[in-house]
Amino acid sequence: MPTVFLLILLGVFLNAGAQLLLKAGMTRIGHFEFSLTNIVPISMKVMGNPPILAGLCAYVVSVGVWLLVLSRVQVSFAYPMLSIGYIVNAVAAYYLFGEDLSLLQIVGIFVIISGVYLVSQGAAS
């Protein structure tokens, strides 16, 4: 089972990293309005944005890792572990992008940690 946990964590970190890369790429592009006139220029900016392309690649790899995970454990065990990504993203966004991390969010992080712990214990029994 330790190998499965490592695969789950790898998938979680790849998925979280993908989100952070997409955010970094969109920060470079900036706010834009959805309109027919923006489709081509914004699409070109997105397709030529290295952090966005890296984020999409990280997603592809994370799907491959996730398929490995699902071949080894029940989805009812594996899927809740993805919530670890919320913790990774909240903390990373705080440090990388200067996003707020409120007391309520910190409490929520501890609730997630508790839930992940309980799910993992239920699978062990």
C-alpha atoms as a PDB file:
ATOM      1  CA  MET A   1       0.000   0.000   0.000  1.00  0.00           C
ATOM      2  CA  PRO A   2       2.860   2.527   0.518  1.00  0.00           C
ATOM      3  CA  THR A   3       3.508   2.545  -3.254  1.00  0.00           C
ATOM      4  CA  VAL A   4      -0.125   3.446  -3.848  1.00  0.00           C
ATOM      5  CA  PHE A   5       0.143   6.377  -1.437  1.00  0.00           C
ATOM      6  CA  LEU A   6       3.211   7.610  -3.306  1.00  0.00           C
ATOM      7  CA  LEU A   7       1.344   7.341  -6.606  1.00  0.00           C
ATOM      8  CA  ILE A   8      -1.631   9.187  -5.124  1.00  0.00           C
ATOM      9  CA  LEU A   9       0.619  11.950  -3.823  1.00  0.00           C
ATOM     10  CA  LEU A  10       2.399  12.168  -7.178  1.00  0.00           C
ATOM     11  CA  GLY A  11      -0.961  12.527  -8.921  1.00  0.00           C
ATOM     12  CA  VAL A  12      -2.117  15.127  -6.417  1.00  0.00           C
ATOM     13  CA  PHE A  13       1.062  17.185  -6.768  1.00  0.00           C
ATOM     14  CA  LEU A  14       0.983  16.979 -10.560  1.00  0.00           C
ATOM     15  CA  ASN A  15      -2.644  18.106 -10.562  1.00  0.00           C
ATOM     16  CA  ALA A  16      -1.966  20.917  -8.086  1.00  0.00           C
ATOM     17  CA  GLY A  17       1.125  21.952 -10.030  1.00  0.00           C
ATOM     18  CA  ALA A  18      -0.931  22.056 -13.202  1.00  0.00           C
ATOM     19  CA  GLN A  19      -3.401  24.446 -11.556  1.00  0.00           C
ATOM     20  CA  LEU A  20      -0.584  26.676 -10.346  1.00  0.00           C
ATOM     21  CA  LEU A  21       1.016  26.736 -13.787  1.00  0.00           C
ATOM     22  CA  LEU A  22      -2.318  27.612 -15.392  1.00  0.00           C
ATOM     23  CA  LYS A  23      -2.738  30.451 -12.890  1.00  0.00           C
ATOM     24  CA  ALA A  24       0.774  31.711 -13.618  1.00  0.00           C
ATOM     25  CA  GLY A  25       0.043  31.626 -17.342  1.00  0.00           C
ATOM     26  CA  MET A  26      -3.255  33.430 -16.995  1.00  0.00           C
ATOM     27  CA  THR A  27      -1.622  36.034 -14.766  1.00  0.00           C
ATOM     28  CA  ARG A  28       0.692  36.794 -17.698  1.00  0.00           C
ATOM     29  CA  ILE A  29      -2.261  37.083 -20.080  1.00  0.00           C
ATOM     30  CA  GLY A  30      -4.415  39.084 -17.701  1.00  0.00           C
ATOM     31  CA  HIS A  31      -8.131  39.679 -17.512  1.00  0.00           C
ATOM     32  CA  PHE A  32     -10.012  39.460 -20.795  1.00  0.00           C
ATOM     33  CA  GLU A  33     -13.598  39.665 -21.941  1.00  0.00           C
ATOM     34  CA  PHE A  34     -15.360  36.788 -23.648  1.00  0.00           C
ATOM     35  CA  SER A  35     -16.315  37.979 -27.101  1.00  0.00           C
ATOM     36  CA  LEU A  36     -16.116  36.767 -30.674  1.00  0.00           C
ATOM     37  CA  THR A  37     -13.419  39.316 -31.435  1.00  0.00           C
ATOM     38  CA  ASN A  38     -11.234  37.943 -28.609  1.00  0.00           C
ATOM     39  CA  ILE A  39     -11.353  34.266 -29.587  1.00  0.00           C
ATOM     40  CA  VAL A  40      -8.369  34.267 -31.942  1.00  0.00           C
ATOM     41  CA  PRO A  41      -6.079  36.725 -30.075  1.00  0.00           C
ATOM     42  CA  ILE A  42      -6.666  35.126 -26.666  1.00  0.00           C
ATOM     43  CA  SER A  43      -6.335  31.607 -28.121  1.00  0.00           C
ATOM     44  CA  MET A  44      -2.983  32.560 -29.623  1.00  0.00           C
ATOM     45  CA  LYS A  45      -1.806  33.976 -26.303  1.00  0.00           C
ATOM     46  CA  VAL A  46      -2.908  30.823 -24.489  1.00  0.00           C
ATOM     47  CA  MET A  47      -1.300  28.464 -27.026  1.00  0.00           C
ATOM     48  CA  GLY A  48       1.984  30.353 -26.872  1.00  0.00           C
ATOM     49  CA  ASN A  49       2.130  30.635 -23.093  1.00  0.00           C
ATOM     50  CA  PRO A  50       4.814  28.313 -21.621  1.00  0.00           C
ATOM     51  CA  PRO A  51       3.272  28.021 -18.125  1.00  0.00           C
ATOM     52  CA  ILE A  52      -0.109  27.096 -19.608  1.00  0.00           C
ATOM     53  CA  LEU A  53       1.451  24.526 -21.916  1.00  0.00           C
ATOM     54  CA  ALA A  54       3.440  23.080 -19.000  1.00  0.00           C
ATOM     55  CA  GLY A  55       0.264  22.982 -16.898  1.00  0.00           C
ATOM     56  CA  LEU A  56      -1.603  21.081 -19.609  1.00  0.00           C
ATOM     57  CA  CYS A  57       1.291  18.612 -19.870  1.00  0.00           C
ATOM     58  CA  ALA A  58       1.232  18.146 -16.090  1.00  0.00           C
ATOM     59  CA  TYR A  59      -2.485  17.348 -16.348  1.00  0.00           C
ATOM     60  CA  VAL A  60      -1.833  14.701 -18.998  1.00  0.00           C
ATOM     61  CA  VAL A  61       0.832  13.052 -16.854  1.00  0.00           C
ATOM     62  CA  SER A  62      -1.409  13.274 -13.777  1.00  0.00           C
ATOM     63  CA  VAL A  63      -4.153  11.408 -15.645  1.00  0.00           C
ATOM     64  CA  GLY A  64      -1.673   8.633 -16.451  1.00  0.00           C
ATOM     65  CA  VAL A  65      -0.641   8.420 -12.804  1.00  0.00           C
ATOM     66  CA  TRP A  66      -4.277   8.459 -11.743  1.00  0.00           C
ATOM     67  CA  LEU A  67      -5.048   5.523 -14.026  1.00  0.00           C
ATOM     68  CA  LEU A  68      -2.260   3.600 -12.280  1.00  0.00           C
ATOM     69  CA  VAL A  69      -3.797   4.480  -8.925  1.00  0.00           C
ATOM     70  CA  LEU A  70      -7.281   3.388  -9.985  1.00  0.00           C
ATOM     71  CA  SER A  71      -5.913   0.071 -11.183  1.00  0.00           C
ATOM     72  CA  ARG A  72      -4.660  -0.608  -7.658  1.00  0.00           C
ATOM     73  CA  VAL A  73      -7.240   0.763  -5.195  1.00  0.00           C
ATOM     74  CA  GLN A  74     -10.951   1.445  -4.930  1.00  0.00           C
ATOM     75  CA  VAL A  75     -12.096   4.788  -6.295  1.00  0.00           C
ATOM     76  CA  SER A  76     -13.970   5.377  -3.015  1.00  0.00           C
ATOM     77  CA  PHE A  77     -10.572   5.421  -1.314  1.00  0.00           C
ATOM     78  CA  ALA A  78      -8.515   7.185  -3.987  1.00  0.00           C
ATOM     79  CA  TYR A  79     -10.819  10.020  -4.980  1.00  0.00           C
ATOM     80  CA  PRO A  80     -11.100  11.672  -1.551  1.00  0.00           C
ATOM     81  CA  MET A  81      -7.299  11.822  -1.460  1.00  0.00           C
ATOM     82  CA  LEU A  82      -7.451  14.365  -4.282  1.00  0.00           C
ATOM     83  CA  SER A  83      -8.656  16.879  -1.691  1.00  0.00           C
ATOM     84  CA  ILE A  84      -5.034  17.107  -0.545  1.00  0.00           C
ATOM     85  CA  GLY A  85      -4.635  19.209  -3.693  1.00  0.00           C
ATOM     86  CA  TYR A  86      -6.799  21.936  -2.122  1.00  0.00           C
ATOM     87  CA  ILE A  87      -4.282  22.212   0.691  1.00  0.00           C
ATOM     88  CA  VAL A  88      -1.296  22.261  -1.666  1.00  0.00           C
ATOM     89  CA  ASN A  89      -2.892  24.906  -3.867  1.00  0.00           C
ATOM     90  CA  ALA A  90      -4.027  27.144  -1.017  1.00  0.00           C
ATOM     91  CA  VAL A  91      -0.584  27.190   0.587  1.00  0.00           C
ATOM     92  CA  ALA A  92       1.291  27.494  -2.719  1.00  0.00           C
ATOM     93  CA  ALA A  93      -0.984  30.299  -3.948  1.00  0.00           C
ATOM     94  CA  TYR A  94      -0.328  32.152  -0.704  1.00  0.00           C
ATOM     95  CA  TYR A  95       3.430  31.997  -1.235  1.00  0.00           C
ATOM     96  CA  LEU A  96       3.626  32.185  -5.036  1.00  0.00           C
ATOM     97  CA  PHE A  97       0.841  34.616  -5.876  1.00  0.00           C
ATOM     98  CA  GLY A  98       0.291  36.475  -2.616  1.00  0.00           C
ATOM     99  CA  GLU A  99      -3.280  35.187  -2.367  1.00  0.00           C
ATOM    100  CA  ASP A 100      -5.061  35.498   0.958  1.00  0.00           C
ATOM    101  CA  LEU A 101      -5.200  32.584   3.358  1.00  0.00           C
ATOM    102  CA  SER A 102      -7.882  33.447   5.888  1.00  0.00           C
ATOM    103  CA  LEU A 103      -8.451  31.858   9.271  1.00  0.00           C
ATOM    104  CA  LEU A 104     -11.575  30.192   7.882  1.00  0.00           C
ATOM    105  CA  GLN A 105      -9.566  28.669   5.036  1.00  0.00           C
ATOM    106  CA  ILE A 106      -6.948  27.418   7.501  1.00  0.00           C
ATOM    107  CA  VAL A 107      -9.709  25.787   9.552  1.00  0.00           C
ATOM    108  CA  GLY A 108     -11.007  24.231   6.341  1.00  0.00           C
ATOM    109  CA  ILE A 109      -7.531  22.874   5.599  1.00  0.00           C
ATOM    110  CA  PHE A 110      -7.529  21.126   8.977  1.00  0.00           C
ATOM    111  CA  VAL A 111     -10.981  19.711   8.247  1.00  0.00           C
ATOM    112  CA  ILE A 112      -9.651  18.345   4.946  1.00  0.00           C
ATOM    113  CA  ILE A 113      -6.625  16.831   6.692  1.00  0.00           C
ATOM    114  CA  SER A 114      -8.967  15.182   9.201  1.00  0.00           C
ATOM    115  CA  GLY A 115     -11.190  13.848   6.428  1.00  0.00           C
ATOM    116  CA  VAL A 116      -8.278  12.440   4.449  1.00  0.00           C
ATOM    117  CA  TYR A 117      -6.999  10.773   7.601  1.00  0.00           C
ATOM    118  CA  LEU A 118     -10.394   9.221   8.336  1.00  0.00           C
ATOM    119  CA  VAL A 119     -10.818   7.978   4.757  1.00  0.00           C
ATOM    120  CA  SER A 120      -7.349   6.436   4.811  1.00  0.00           C
ATOM    121  CA  GLN A 121      -8.060   4.708   8.136  1.00  0.00           C
ATOM    122  CA  GLY A 122     -11.348   3.342   6.862  1.00  0.00           C
ATOM    123  CA  ALA A 123      -9.545   1.773   3.912  1.00  0.00           C
ATOM    124  CA  ALA A 124      -6.945   0.191   6.174  1.00  0.00           C
ATOM    125  CA  SER A 125      -9.545  -1.698   8.222  1.00  0.00           C
END
